[in-house]
């Protein structure tokens, strides 16, 4: 009986300490002002307001740590936004990235 109580206490303490947010959310980042974003803004996986990245800018990483690409762009395997921005109509192609 005592082992069962200890096991229940241990499981309940693990449940209380868990969080649905990724571990990268505890990095102290602050929300940005939407007016300062050249390519638009979005909420990241942590619920922070972040600027979207433009053509050739760094993106990706674990939990989107380096950024999220704007509309019309996709993040390459080399962590750069590739394609054409629907906002500025600027394009960028990562010729040096090996898929």
C-alpha atoms as a PDB file:
ATOM      1  CA  UNK A   1       0.000   0.000   0.000  1.00  0.00           C
ATOM      2  CA  UNK A   2       2.832   2.389   0.880  1.00  0.00           C
ATOM      3  CA  UNK A   3       4.509   1.746  -2.481  1.00  0.00           C
ATOM      4  CA  UNK A   4       1.278   2.613  -4.252  1.00  0.00           C
ATOM      5  CA  UNK A   5       0.980   5.932  -2.385  1.00  0.00           C
ATOM      6  CA  UNK A   6       4.595   6.831  -3.174  1.00  0.00           C
ATOM      7  CA  UNK A   7       4.069   5.928  -6.823  1.00  0.00           C
ATOM      8  CA  UNK A   8       0.932   8.108  -7.032  1.00  0.00           C
ATOM      9  CA  UNK A   9       2.731  11.045  -5.418  1.00  0.00           C
ATOM     10  CA  UNK A  10       5.626  10.674  -7.831  1.00  0.00           C
ATOM     11  CA  UNK A  11       3.333  10.561 -10.864  1.00  0.00           C
ATOM     12  CA  UNK A  12       1.304  13.545  -9.680  1.00  0.00           C
ATOM     13  CA  UNK A  13       4.455  15.629  -9.164  1.00  0.00           C
ATOM     14  CA  UNK A  14       5.575  14.834 -12.734  1.00  0.00           C
ATOM     15  CA  UNK A  15       2.171  15.880 -14.050  1.00  0.00           C
ATOM     16  CA  UNK A  16       2.265  19.214 -12.199  1.00  0.00           C
ATOM     17  CA  UNK A  17       5.747  20.056 -13.523  1.00  0.00           C
ATOM     18  CA  UNK A  18       4.949  19.319 -17.170  1.00  0.00           C
ATOM     19  CA  UNK A  19       3.988  22.061 -19.601  1.00  0.00           C
ATOM     20  CA  UNK A  20       2.456  21.893 -23.087  1.00  0.00           C
ATOM     21  CA  UNK A  21       4.936  24.509 -24.337  1.00  0.00           C
ATOM     22  CA  UNK A  22       8.236  23.501 -25.932  1.00  0.00           C
ATOM     23  CA  UNK A  23      11.331  23.888 -23.723  1.00  0.00           C
ATOM     24  CA  UNK A  24      12.590  26.691 -25.988  1.00  0.00           C
ATOM     25  CA  UNK A  25       9.805  28.981 -24.700  1.00  0.00           C
ATOM     26  CA  UNK A  26      11.699  29.837 -21.528  1.00  0.00           C
ATOM     27  CA  UNK A  27      14.301  31.964 -23.341  1.00  0.00           C
ATOM     28  CA  UNK A  28      12.974  35.369 -22.209  1.00  0.00           C
ATOM     29  CA  UNK A  29      11.912  36.666 -25.631  1.00  0.00           C
ATOM     30  CA  UNK A  30       9.468  39.567 -25.733  1.00  0.00           C
ATOM     31  CA  UNK A  31       6.682  40.196 -28.242  1.00  0.00           C
ATOM     32  CA  UNK A  32       7.522  42.503 -31.165  1.00  0.00           C
ATOM     33  CA  UNK A  33       5.451  45.443 -32.388  1.00  0.00           C
ATOM     34  CA  UNK A  34       3.595  44.475 -35.602  1.00  0.00           C
ATOM     35  CA  UNK A  35       4.486  47.850 -37.177  1.00  0.00           C
ATOM     36  CA  UNK A  36       8.173  46.901 -37.075  1.00  0.00           C
ATOM     37  CA  UNK A  37       7.685  43.772 -39.214  1.00  0.00           C
ATOM     38  CA  UNK A  38       8.538  44.195 -42.922  1.00  0.00           C
ATOM     39  CA  UNK A  39       7.087  40.826 -43.982  1.00  0.00           C
ATOM     40  CA  UNK A  40       4.156  40.526 -41.572  1.00  0.00           C
ATOM     41  CA  UNK A  41       3.841  38.879 -38.187  1.00  0.00           C
ATOM     42  CA  UNK A  42       2.494  35.711 -36.580  1.00  0.00           C
ATOM     43  CA  UNK A  43       2.353  33.900 -33.274  1.00  0.00           C
ATOM     44  CA  UNK A  44       5.116  31.348 -32.788  1.00  0.00           C
ATOM     45  CA  UNK A  45       4.722  27.959 -31.083  1.00  0.00           C
ATOM     46  CA  UNK A  46       5.228  29.628 -27.707  1.00  0.00           C
ATOM     47  CA  UNK A  47       2.463  32.183 -28.294  1.00  0.00           C
ATOM     48  CA  UNK A  48       4.865  35.118 -28.779  1.00  0.00           C
ATOM     49  CA  UNK A  49       4.215  37.733 -31.460  1.00  0.00           C
ATOM     50  CA  UNK A  50       7.144  37.453 -33.922  1.00  0.00           C
ATOM     51  CA  UNK A  51       8.049  39.024 -37.265  1.00  0.00           C
ATOM     52  CA  UNK A  52       7.931  36.773 -40.310  1.00  0.00           C
ATOM     53  CA  UNK A  53      11.171  36.353 -42.255  1.00  0.00           C
ATOM     54  CA  UNK A  54      11.757  37.556 -45.817  1.00  0.00           C
ATOM     55  CA  UNK A  55      13.653  36.203 -48.844  1.00  0.00           C
ATOM     56  CA  UNK A  56      17.124  34.940 -47.914  1.00  0.00           C
ATOM     57  CA  UNK A  57      16.658  35.466 -44.173  1.00  0.00           C
ATOM     58  CA  UNK A  58      17.441  32.764 -41.642  1.00  0.00           C
ATOM     59  CA  UNK A  59      14.529  30.511 -40.629  1.00  0.00           C
ATOM     60  CA  UNK A  60      13.656  27.149 -39.111  1.00  0.00           C
ATOM     61  CA  UNK A  61      15.500  25.444 -36.290  1.00  0.00           C
ATOM     62  CA  UNK A  62      14.029  23.483 -33.422  1.00  0.00           C
ATOM     63  CA  UNK A  63      10.566  24.891 -32.594  1.00  0.00           C
ATOM     64  CA  UNK A  64      11.100  27.593 -35.284  1.00  0.00           C
ATOM     65  CA  UNK A  65      13.798  29.255 -33.184  1.00  0.00           C
ATOM     66  CA  UNK A  66      15.420  31.031 -36.162  1.00  0.00           C
ATOM     67  CA  UNK A  67      12.147  32.309 -37.587  1.00  0.00           C
ATOM     68  CA  UNK A  68       9.117  31.574 -39.727  1.00  0.00           C
ATOM     69  CA  UNK A  69       8.967  32.481 -43.421  1.00  0.00           C
ATOM     70  CA  UNK A  70       6.410  34.945 -44.777  1.00  0.00           C
ATOM     71  CA  UNK A  71       3.694  34.036 -47.307  1.00  0.00           C
ATOM     72  CA  UNK A  72       5.108  32.787 -50.606  1.00  0.00           C
ATOM     73  CA  UNK A  73       8.357  31.607 -49.009  1.00  0.00           C
ATOM     74  CA  UNK A  74       9.472  28.281 -47.602  1.00  0.00           C
ATOM     75  CA  UNK A  75      12.317  27.385 -45.290  1.00  0.00           C
ATOM     76  CA  UNK A  76      15.009  25.347 -47.064  1.00  0.00           C
ATOM     77  CA  UNK A  77      17.137  22.600 -45.533  1.00  0.00           C
ATOM     78  CA  UNK A  78      19.867  25.246 -45.222  1.00  0.00           C
ATOM     79  CA  UNK A  79      17.599  27.377 -42.975  1.00  0.00           C
ATOM     80  CA  UNK A  80      16.933  30.220 -45.440  1.00  0.00           C
ATOM     81  CA  UNK A  81      13.585  31.545 -46.714  1.00  0.00           C
ATOM     82  CA  UNK A  82      13.343  30.738 -50.415  1.00  0.00           C
ATOM     83  CA  UNK A  83      10.750  31.810 -52.978  1.00  0.00           C
ATOM     84  CA  UNK A  84       8.939  35.094 -53.674  1.00  0.00           C
ATOM     85  CA  UNK A  85       7.396  37.297 -51.008  1.00  0.00           C
ATOM     86  CA  UNK A  86       3.721  38.075 -51.642  1.00  0.00           C
ATOM     87  CA  UNK A  87       4.191  41.443 -49.885  1.00  0.00           C
ATOM     88  CA  UNK A  88       7.309  42.860 -51.561  1.00  0.00           C
ATOM     89  CA  UNK A  89       7.494  40.630 -54.676  1.00  0.00           C
ATOM     90  CA  UNK A  90      11.191  40.103 -53.945  1.00  0.00           C
ATOM     91  CA  UNK A  91      12.487  36.625 -54.753  1.00  0.00           C
ATOM     92  CA  UNK A  92      15.418  34.600 -53.518  1.00  0.00           C
ATOM     93  CA  UNK A  93      16.735  31.177 -54.493  1.00  0.00           C
ATOM     94  CA  UNK A  94      19.343  29.362 -52.436  1.00  0.00           C
ATOM     95  CA  UNK A  95      21.657  28.088 -55.200  1.00  0.00           C
ATOM     96  CA  UNK A  96      24.311  27.008 -52.685  1.00  0.00           C
ATOM     97  CA  UNK A  97      21.957  24.799 -50.654  1.00  0.00           C
ATOM     98  CA  UNK A  98      22.325  21.098 -51.353  1.00  0.00           C
ATOM     99  CA  UNK A  99      19.068  19.220 -50.777  1.00  0.00           C
END
